[in-house]
Amino acid sequence: MNSQPEAAAPGSATVATPIIIIDDDPKLCELIGDYLAPLGYDVASANTGTDGLEMVLAGDYHAVILDVMLPGMDGFEVLKAIRHQSNVPVLMLTGRGDEADRVVGLEIGADDYLPKTFSTRELLARLRAVMRRTQSKTDAGSATEIEANLTNGALMISPGSRTAALGDVPLKLTSLEFDLLLSLARARGRVKSREQILDDVAGRDYEVFDRSIDVHVSALRQKLGDDPKAPTFIQTIRSVGYMMIKQ
C-alpha cells in the first residue's frame, strides 16, 4: 500500500474528522492513520472485533473502516452489532475475492467494500464517498420534499425521506443502494451505463471503470427478490449497464 499522503482538500475543515479502523494488523492501522491524519482525519484503531465494537458504540465516529477477517468476533458480526444501534458509515476491507462475501457485507449494512489490494487514494475516495452519501441522507431528511414519490409496480420510492418499500414491506437499503435504485427508477425503461450510474451515486470519487457497481446491483437485487435470469425490476444490458424495467 502506497502510504504517501496527498495534499489536503482546499477549504477542508480545521477540526479533524474522527474515524476508526478495526483491523488485526497494527501496521496497516498505523499506515492508514499516518496517511489520513494530514488530510484532516483523527484516526483511532482497534485490533479485535470486540474492542472495535466497544469503541464505536461508545464514541462519536464519522466513519468506520472494518476488516472482515478479525479474530474472535469477525467483521460481519461487528457490522451487525453496529447496525443495531448506529447508522455510522462503514467501509469494509476484505482480503477475500469471493463476490458472495462482499454481497453479504452489503446486505447486512455495509456502505461499501474495498479489497485489501487497495491504494491509499482509492481508500480516501471511497471513505469520502460513503461519508458524503450519509451526510446527503441526513440533509435530505431535514429538507422539504421537492421530488414526488416514484412507483413501479409494487415498488415505491420516496426521494424526500430516502426510503423505499416493496408492497407494504420497507426495504432496508444502504445509502448507496438507495441512490442506485433511485438512479435506475428515474430512468425507468431506459438503459443507464455503469459510468452514468457511478456518476449519480458516487460522483467523481470513483474510477469510471470500477466494477464494484455490479456487486451493489447484486445486493440490491437480493433485497428486491429479483432473479437476474428472469428480472422483474432490474435488467442487465450486456456490456453496457442496467435498466429499470417498466411495470
C-alpha atoms as a PDB file:
ATOM      1  CA  MET A   1       0.000   0.000   0.000  1.00  0.00           C
ATOM      2  CA  ASN A   2       1.421   3.372  -1.007  1.00  0.00           C
ATOM      3  CA  SER A   3       1.312   5.479   2.148  1.00  0.00           C
ATOM      4  CA  GLN A   4       2.433   8.788   0.641  1.00  0.00           C
ATOM      5  CA  PRO A   5      -0.305  11.310   1.590  1.00  0.00           C
ATOM      6  CA  GLU A   6      -1.761  13.736  -0.915  1.00  0.00           C
ATOM      7  CA  ALA A   7      -2.423  17.360  -0.135  1.00  0.00           C
ATOM      8  CA  ALA A   8      -5.463  18.169   1.956  1.00  0.00           C
ATOM      9  CA  ALA A   9      -8.505  19.315   0.029  1.00  0.00           C
ATOM     10  CA  PRO A  10      -8.773  23.115  -0.305  1.00  0.00           C
ATOM     11  CA  GLY A  11     -11.157  24.597   2.203  1.00  0.00           C
ATOM     12  CA  SER A  12     -11.184  21.470   4.369  1.00  0.00           C
ATOM     13  CA  ALA A  13     -12.324  21.883   7.971  1.00  0.00           C
ATOM     14  CA  THR A  14      -9.700  22.685  10.587  1.00  0.00           C
ATOM     15  CA  VAL A  15     -11.332  20.330  13.102  1.00  0.00           C
ATOM     16  CA  ALA A  16     -10.182  16.761  12.434  1.00  0.00           C
ATOM     17  CA  THR A  17     -12.871  14.246  11.480  1.00  0.00           C
ATOM     18  CA  PRO A  18     -12.912  11.273  13.882  1.00  0.00           C
ATOM     19  CA  ILE A  19     -12.886   7.836  12.258  1.00  0.00           C
ATOM     20  CA  ILE A  20     -11.883   4.371  13.472  1.00  0.00           C
ATOM     21  CA  ILE A  21     -10.049   1.470  11.808  1.00  0.00           C
ATOM     22  CA  ILE A  22     -10.797  -2.044  13.086  1.00  0.00           C
ATOM     23  CA  ASP A  23      -8.151  -4.425  11.732  1.00  0.00           C
ATOM     24  CA  ASP A  24      -5.994  -7.101  13.332  1.00  0.00           C
ATOM     25  CA  ASP A  25      -2.859  -5.778  11.580  1.00  0.00           C
ATOM     26  CA  PRO A  26      -1.432  -2.962  13.754  1.00  0.00           C
ATOM     27  CA  LYS A  27       0.998  -1.972  10.999  1.00  0.00           C
ATOM     28  CA  LEU A  28      -1.810  -1.488   8.482  1.00  0.00           C
ATOM     29  CA  CYS A  29      -3.753   0.586  11.014  1.00  0.00           C
ATOM     30  CA  GLU A  30      -0.655   2.728  11.561  1.00  0.00           C
ATOM     31  CA  LEU A  31      -0.065   3.192   7.817  1.00  0.00           C
ATOM     32  CA  ILE A  32      -3.669   4.201   7.179  1.00  0.00           C
ATOM     33  CA  GLY A  33      -3.616   6.533  10.169  1.00  0.00           C
ATOM     34  CA  ASP A  34      -0.375   8.171   9.012  1.00  0.00           C
ATOM     35  CA  TYR A  35      -1.842   8.663   5.548  1.00  0.00           C
ATOM     36  CA  LEU A  36      -5.191  10.101   6.660  1.00  0.00           C
ATOM     37  CA  ALA A  37      -4.026  12.301   9.558  1.00  0.00           C
ATOM     38  CA  PRO A  38      -2.544  15.077   7.370  1.00  0.00           C
ATOM     39  CA  LEU A  39      -5.775  15.080   5.342  1.00  0.00           C
ATOM     40  CA  GLY A  40      -7.907  16.131   8.293  1.00  0.00           C
ATOM     41  CA  TYR A  41      -8.827  12.842   9.980  1.00  0.00           C
ATOM     42  CA  ASP A  42      -8.404  11.905  13.640  1.00  0.00           C
ATOM     43  CA  VAL A  43      -7.815   8.164  13.335  1.00  0.00           C
ATOM     44  CA  ALA A  44      -8.385   5.712  16.193  1.00  0.00           C
ATOM     45  CA  SER A  45      -7.772   1.984  15.828  1.00  0.00           C
ATOM     46  CA  ALA A  46      -8.651  -1.376  17.372  1.00  0.00           C
ATOM     47  CA  ASN A  47      -7.186  -4.790  16.586  1.00  0.00           C
ATOM     48  CA  THR A  48     -10.074  -7.047  17.618  1.00  0.00           C
ATOM     49  CA  GLY A  49     -13.742  -7.014  16.734  1.00  0.00           C
ATOM     50  CA  THR A  50     -14.796  -6.845  20.384  1.00  0.00           C
ATOM     51  CA  ASP A  51     -12.585  -3.856  21.191  1.00  0.00           C
ATOM     52  CA  GLY A  52     -13.580  -2.111  17.967  1.00  0.00           C
ATOM     53  CA  LEU A  53     -17.293  -2.567  18.602  1.00  0.00           C
ATOM     54  CA  GLU A  54     -16.974  -1.164  22.125  1.00  0.00           C
ATOM     55  CA  MET A  55     -15.128   1.882  20.800  1.00  0.00           C
ATOM     56  CA  VAL A  56     -17.651   2.510  18.011  1.00  0.00           C
ATOM     57  CA  LEU A  57     -20.668   2.319  20.319  1.00  0.00           C
ATOM     58  CA  ALA A  58     -19.008   4.448  22.991  1.00  0.00           C
ATOM     59  CA  GLY A  59     -17.579   7.056  20.615  1.00  0.00           C
ATOM     60  CA  ASP A  60     -18.770   9.583  18.054  1.00  0.00           C
ATOM     61  CA  TYR A  61     -17.017   8.487  14.880  1.00  0.00           C
ATOM     62  CA  HIS A  62     -17.960   9.778  11.441  1.00  0.00           C
ATOM     63  CA  ALA A  63     -16.922   6.548   9.699  1.00  0.00           C
ATOM     64  CA  VAL A  64     -15.665   3.021  10.401  1.00  0.00           C
ATOM     65  CA  ILE A  65     -13.093   1.130   8.315  1.00  0.00           C
ATOM     66  CA  LEU A  66     -13.767  -2.512   9.193  1.00  0.00           C
ATOM     67  CA  ASP A  67     -11.816  -5.637   8.244  1.00  0.00           C
ATOM     68  CA  VAL A  68     -13.850  -8.794   7.543  1.00  0.00           C
ATOM     69  CA  MET A  69     -11.265 -11.236   8.918  1.00  0.00           C
ATOM     70  CA  LEU A  70     -10.908 -10.492  12.629  1.00  0.00           C
ATOM     71  CA  PRO A  71     -10.038 -12.840  15.493  1.00  0.00           C
ATOM     72  CA  GLY A  72     -12.955 -13.992  17.622  1.00  0.00           C
ATOM     73  CA  MET A  73     -15.739 -11.663  16.525  1.00  0.00           C
ATOM     74  CA  ASP A  74     -15.435 -11.270  12.744  1.00  0.00           C
ATOM     75  CA  GLY A  75     -16.258  -8.172  10.740  1.00  0.00           C
ATOM     76  CA  PHE A  76     -19.748  -9.346   9.775  1.00  0.00           C
ATOM     77  CA  GLU A  77     -20.676  -9.858  13.435  1.00  0.00           C
ATOM     78  CA  VAL A  78     -19.269  -6.449  14.322  1.00  0.00           C
ATOM     79  CA  LEU A  79     -21.234  -4.848  11.481  1.00  0.00           C
ATOM     80  CA  LYS A  80     -24.498  -6.474  12.584  1.00  0.00           C
ATOM     81  CA  ALA A  81     -23.978  -5.228  16.136  1.00  0.00           C
ATOM     82  CA  ILE A  82     -23.157  -1.709  14.919  1.00  0.00           C
ATOM     83  CA  ARG A  83     -26.274  -1.595  12.762  1.00  0.00           C
ATOM     84  CA  HIS A  84     -28.491  -2.432  15.736  1.00  0.00           C
ATOM     85  CA  GLN A  85     -27.501   0.883  17.289  1.00  0.00           C
ATOM     86  CA  SER A  86     -25.883   3.142  14.708  1.00  0.00           C
ATOM     87  CA  ASN A  87     -26.041   4.288  11.076  1.00  0.00           C
ATOM     88  CA  VAL A  88     -22.391   5.359  11.021  1.00  0.00           C
ATOM     89  CA  PRO A  89     -20.893   4.806   7.539  1.00  0.00           C
ATOM     90  CA  VAL A  90     -18.966   1.511   7.358  1.00  0.00           C
ATOM     91  CA  LEU A  91     -16.341   0.763   4.716  1.00  0.00           C
ATOM     92  CA  MET A  92     -15.382  -2.913   4.838  1.00  0.00           C
ATOM     93  CA  LEU A  93     -11.951  -4.271   3.933  1.00  0.00           C
ATOM     94  CA  THR A  94     -11.698  -7.794   2.587  1.00  0.00           C
ATOM     95  CA  GLY A  95      -8.748  -9.955   1.629  1.00  0.00           C
ATOM     96  CA  ARG A  96     -11.115 -12.465   0.038  1.00  0.00           C
ATOM     97  CA  GLY A  97     -12.121 -12.151  -3.596  1.00  0.00           C
ATOM     98  CA  ASP A  98     -15.430 -14.015  -3.311  1.00  0.00           C
ATOM     99  CA  GLU A  99     -18.295 -11.829  -4.505  1.00  0.00           C
ATOM    100  CA  ALA A 100     -20.679 -13.666  -2.158  1.00  0.00           C
ATOM    101  CA  ASP A 101     -18.721 -12.389   0.856  1.00  0.00           C
ATOM    102  CA  ARG A 102     -18.944  -8.838  -0.411  1.00  0.00           C
ATOM    103  CA  VAL A 103     -22.667  -9.142  -1.049  1.00  0.00           C
ATOM    104  CA  VAL A 104     -23.210 -10.445   2.489  1.00  0.00           C
ATOM    105  CA  GLY A 105     -21.490  -7.364   3.886  1.00  0.00           C
ATOM    106  CA  LEU A 106     -23.593  -5.036   1.761  1.00  0.00           C
ATOM    107  CA  GLU A 107     -26.794  -6.870   2.669  1.00  0.00           C
ATOM    108  CA  ILE A 108     -26.245  -6.519   6.402  1.00  0.00           C
ATOM    109  CA  GLY A 109     -25.487  -2.834   6.226  1.00  0.00           C
ATOM    110  CA  ALA A 110     -22.015  -2.042   4.889  1.00  0.00           C
ATOM    111  CA  ASP A 111     -21.921   1.150   2.832  1.00  0.00           C
ATOM    112  CA  ASP A 112     -19.118  -0.080   0.611  1.00  0.00           C
ATOM    113  CA  TYR A 113     -16.284  -2.612   0.464  1.00  0.00           C
ATOM    114  CA  LEU A 114     -12.676  -2.406  -0.609  1.00  0.00           C
ATOM    115  CA  PRO A 115     -10.330  -5.328  -1.414  1.00  0.00           C
ATOM    116  CA  LYS A 116      -7.096  -5.230   0.574  1.00  0.00           C
ATOM    117  CA  THR A 117      -5.132  -4.635  -2.609  1.00  0.00           C
ATOM    118  CA  PHE A 118      -6.374  -1.038  -2.444  1.00  0.00           C
ATOM    119  CA  SER A 119      -4.258   2.052  -2.983  1.00  0.00           C
ATOM    120  CA  THR A 120      -4.429   4.837  -0.415  1.00  0.00           C
ATOM    121  CA  ARG A 121      -6.007   7.162  -2.978  1.00  0.00           C
ATOM    122  CA  GLU A 122      -8.823   4.675  -3.569  1.00  0.00           C
ATOM    123  CA  LEU A 123      -9.311   4.252   0.179  1.00  0.00           C
ATOM    124  CA  LEU A 124      -9.587   8.024   0.573  1.00  0.00           C
ATOM    125  CA  ALA A 125     -12.015   8.308  -2.359  1.00  0.00           C
ATOM    126  CA  ARG A 126     -14.326   5.618  -1.025  1.00  0.00           C
ATOM    127  CA  LEU A 127     -14.149   6.957   2.531  1.00  0.00           C
ATOM    128  CA  ARG A 128     -15.132  10.417   1.333  1.00  0.00           C
ATOM    129  CA  ALA A 129     -17.911   8.946  -0.805  1.00  0.00           C
ATOM    130  CA  VAL A 130     -19.582   6.939   1.978  1.00  0.00           C
ATOM    131  CA  MET A 131     -19.365   9.908   4.343  1.00  0.00           C
ATOM    132  CA  ARG A 132     -20.814  12.258   1.722  1.00  0.00           C
ATOM    133  CA  ARG A 133     -23.716   9.923   0.977  1.00  0.00           C
ATOM    134  CA  THR A 134     -24.548   9.667   4.665  1.00  0.00           C
ATOM    135  CA  GLN A 135     -24.466  13.446   5.032  1.00  0.00           C
ATOM    136  CA  SER A 136     -26.685  13.816   1.962  1.00  0.00           C
ATOM    137  CA  LYS A 137     -29.149  11.390   3.518  1.00  0.00           C
ATOM    138  CA  THR A 138     -29.195  13.431   6.741  1.00  0.00           C
ATOM    139  CA  ASP A 139     -29.674  16.669   4.834  1.00  0.00           C
ATOM    140  CA  ALA A 140     -32.494  15.152   2.779  1.00  0.00           C
ATOM    141  CA  GLY A 141     -34.257  14.008   5.932  1.00  0.00           C
ATOM    142  CA  SER A 142     -34.466  17.601   7.182  1.00  0.00           C
ATOM    143  CA  ALA A 143     -35.226  19.222   3.814  1.00  0.00           C
ATOM    144  CA  THR A 144     -38.596  19.882   2.267  1.00  0.00           C
ATOM    145  CA  GLU A 145     -39.571  17.104  -0.105  1.00  0.00           C
ATOM    146  CA  ILE A 146     -39.382  18.513  -3.608  1.00  0.00           C
ATOM    147  CA  GLU A 147     -39.491  15.339  -5.699  1.00  0.00           C
ATOM    148  CA  ALA A 148     -42.630  13.234  -5.961  1.00  0.00           C
ATOM    149  CA  ASN A 149     -42.590   9.601  -4.932  1.00  0.00           C
ATOM    150  CA  LEU A 150     -41.734   7.157  -7.704  1.00  0.00           C
ATOM    151  CA  THR A 151     -43.704   3.963  -8.230  1.00  0.00           C
ATOM    152  CA  ASN A 152     -43.019   0.991 -10.444  1.00  0.00           C
ATOM    153  CA  GLY A 153     -45.432  -1.865  -9.896  1.00  0.00           C
ATOM    154  CA  ALA A 154     -45.221  -2.845  -6.219  1.00  0.00           C
ATOM    155  CA  LEU A 155     -42.077  -0.768  -5.740  1.00  0.00           C
ATOM    156  CA  MET A 156     -42.428   2.698  -4.174  1.00  0.00           C
ATOM    157  CA  ILE A 157     -39.508   5.080  -3.699  1.00  0.00           C
ATOM    158  CA  SER A 158     -39.644   8.289  -1.668  1.00  0.00           C
ATOM    159  CA  PRO A 159     -36.709  10.566  -2.588  1.00  0.00           C
ATOM    160  CA  GLY A 160     -37.568  13.082   0.136  1.00  0.00           C
ATOM    161  CA  SER A 161     -37.358  10.605   3.012  1.00  0.00           C
ATOM    162  CA  ARG A 162     -34.878   8.350   1.194  1.00  0.00           C
ATOM    163  CA  THR A 163     -36.984   5.278   1.815  1.00  0.00           C
ATOM    164  CA  ALA A 164     -38.297   2.514  -0.431  1.00  0.00           C
ATOM    165  CA  ALA A 165     -40.849  -0.238   0.002  1.00  0.00           C
ATOM    166  CA  LEU A 166     -41.941  -3.307  -1.920  1.00  0.00           C
ATOM    167  CA  GLY A 167     -45.661  -3.543  -1.352  1.00  0.00           C
ATOM    168  CA  ASP A 168     -46.119  -2.986   2.376  1.00  0.00           C
ATOM    169  CA  VAL A 169     -42.591  -4.143   3.235  1.00  0.00           C
ATOM    170  CA  PRO A 170     -39.944  -1.437   3.796  1.00  0.00           C
ATOM    171  CA  LEU A 171     -36.604  -2.162   2.130  1.00  0.00           C
ATOM    172  CA  LYS A 172     -33.505  -1.947   4.318  1.00  0.00           C
ATOM    173  CA  LEU A 173     -31.097  -0.278   1.909  1.00  0.00           C
ATOM    174  CA  THR A 174     -27.671   1.224   2.403  1.00  0.00           C
ATOM    175  CA  SER A 175     -27.218   4.816   1.263  1.00  0.00           C
ATOM    176  CA  LEU A 176     -25.504   3.678  -1.928  1.00  0.00           C
ATOM    177  CA  GLU A 177     -28.180   1.063  -2.661  1.00  0.00           C
ATOM    178  CA  PHE A 178     -30.899   3.678  -2.302  1.00  0.00           C
ATOM    179  CA  ASP A 179     -29.043   6.046  -4.646  1.00  0.00           C
ATOM    180  CA  LEU A 180     -28.574   3.199  -7.119  1.00  0.00           C
ATOM    181  CA  LEU A 181     -32.263   2.285  -7.016  1.00  0.00           C
ATOM    182  CA  LEU A 182     -33.286   5.930  -7.399  1.00  0.00           C
ATOM    183  CA  SER A 183     -30.914   6.422 -10.329  1.00  0.00           C
ATOM    184  CA  LEU A 184     -32.448   3.478 -12.203  1.00  0.00           C
ATOM    185  CA  ALA A 185     -36.031   4.390 -11.267  1.00  0.00           C
ATOM    186  CA  ARG A 186     -35.653   7.949 -12.549  1.00  0.00           C
ATOM    187  CA  ALA A 187     -34.611   6.495 -15.918  1.00  0.00           C
ATOM    188  CA  ARG A 188     -37.251   3.733 -15.901  1.00  0.00           C
ATOM    189  CA  GLY A 189     -37.341   1.981 -19.276  1.00  0.00           C
ATOM    190  CA  ARG A 190     -34.019   3.490 -20.373  1.00  0.00           C
ATOM    191  CA  VAL A 191     -30.576   1.907 -20.196  1.00  0.00           C
ATOM    192  CA  LYS A 192     -28.017   3.512 -17.904  1.00  0.00           C
ATOM    193  CA  SER A 193     -24.335   2.741 -18.343  1.00  0.00           C
ATOM    194  CA  ARG A 194     -22.167   1.881 -15.362  1.00  0.00           C
ATOM    195  CA  GLU A 195     -20.392   5.206 -15.814  1.00  0.00           C
ATOM    196  CA  GLN A 196     -23.713   7.113 -15.628  1.00  0.00           C
ATOM    197  CA  ILE A 197     -24.804   5.163 -12.550  1.00  0.00           C
ATOM    198  CA  LEU A 198     -21.476   5.715 -10.798  1.00  0.00           C
ATOM    199  CA  ASP A 199     -21.693   9.432 -11.531  1.00  0.00           C
ATOM    200  CA  ASP A 200     -25.187   9.503  -9.983  1.00  0.00           C
ATOM    201  CA  VAL A 201     -24.341   7.558  -6.832  1.00  0.00           C
ATOM    202  CA  ALA A 202     -20.717   8.461  -6.156  1.00  0.00           C
ATOM    203  CA  GLY A 203     -19.693  11.379  -8.335  1.00  0.00           C
ATOM    204  CA  ARG A 204     -16.055  11.845  -9.269  1.00  0.00           C
ATOM    205  CA  ASP A 205     -14.673   9.969  -6.274  1.00  0.00           C
ATOM    206  CA  TYR A 206     -14.855   6.661  -8.142  1.00  0.00           C
ATOM    207  CA  GLU A 207     -12.988   5.495 -11.203  1.00  0.00           C
ATOM    208  CA  VAL A 208     -15.370   5.209 -14.154  1.00  0.00           C
ATOM    209  CA  PHE A 209     -14.419   1.611 -14.809  1.00  0.00           C
ATOM    210  CA  ASP A 210     -14.983   0.499 -11.215  1.00  0.00           C
ATOM    211  CA  ARG A 211     -16.806  -2.844 -11.441  1.00  0.00           C
ATOM    212  CA  SER A 212     -17.948  -2.761  -7.816  1.00  0.00           C
ATOM    213  CA  ILE A 213     -21.246  -1.357  -9.095  1.00  0.00           C
ATOM    214  CA  ASP A 214     -22.087  -4.923 -10.179  1.00  0.00           C
ATOM    215  CA  VAL A 215     -21.726  -6.144  -6.594  1.00  0.00           C
ATOM    216  CA  HIS A 216     -24.039  -3.390  -5.343  1.00  0.00           C
ATOM    217  CA  VAL A 217     -26.603  -4.283  -8.010  1.00  0.00           C
ATOM    218  CA  SER A 218     -26.399  -7.927  -6.925  1.00  0.00           C
ATOM    219  CA  ALA A 219     -27.054  -6.955  -3.288  1.00  0.00           C
ATOM    220  CA  LEU A 220     -29.926  -4.673  -4.319  1.00  0.00           C
ATOM    221  CA  ARG A 221     -31.481  -7.426  -6.417  1.00  0.00           C
ATOM    222  CA  GLN A 222     -31.454  -9.801  -3.462  1.00  0.00           C
ATOM    223  CA  LYS A 223     -33.273  -7.248  -1.316  1.00  0.00           C
ATOM    224  CA  LEU A 224     -35.843  -6.785  -4.105  1.00  0.00           C
ATOM    225  CA  GLY A 225     -36.200 -10.566  -4.530  1.00  0.00           C
ATOM    226  CA  ASP A 226     -35.271 -10.059  -8.163  1.00  0.00           C
ATOM    227  CA  ASP A 227     -33.954 -13.009 -10.200  1.00  0.00           C
ATOM    228  CA  PRO A 228     -31.292 -11.720 -12.646  1.00  0.00           C
ATOM    229  CA  LYS A 229     -32.174 -14.537 -15.064  1.00  0.00           C
ATOM    230  CA  ALA A 230     -35.847 -13.518 -15.130  1.00  0.00           C
ATOM    231  CA  PRO A 231     -35.834  -9.987 -13.715  1.00  0.00           C
ATOM    232  CA  THR A 232     -38.906  -8.094 -12.564  1.00  0.00           C
ATOM    233  CA  PHE A 233     -37.173  -4.815 -11.787  1.00  0.00           C
ATOM    234  CA  ILE A 234     -33.509  -4.609 -12.816  1.00  0.00           C
ATOM    235  CA  GLN A 235     -32.356  -5.930 -16.194  1.00  0.00           C
ATOM    236  CA  THR A 236     -28.690  -6.326 -17.103  1.00  0.00           C
ATOM    237  CA  ILE A 237     -27.813  -4.885 -20.500  1.00  0.00           C
ATOM    238  CA  ARG A 238     -24.765  -6.857 -21.523  1.00  0.00           C
ATOM    239  CA  SER A 239     -21.536  -4.855 -21.850  1.00  0.00           C
ATOM    240  CA  VAL A 240     -23.419  -1.618 -21.156  1.00  0.00           C
ATOM    241  CA  GLY A 241     -25.117  -1.356 -17.790  1.00  0.00           C
ATOM    242  CA  TYR A 242     -28.588  -1.736 -16.270  1.00  0.00           C
ATOM    243  CA  MET A 243     -32.191  -0.739 -16.803  1.00  0.00           C
ATOM    244  CA  MET A 244     -35.224  -0.477 -14.532  1.00  0.00           C
ATOM    245  CA  ILE A 245     -37.996  -2.447 -16.245  1.00  0.00           C
ATOM    246  CA  LYS A 246     -41.261  -0.549 -16.616  1.00  0.00           C
ATOM    247  CA  GLN A 247     -44.170  -2.191 -14.803  1.00  0.00           C
END
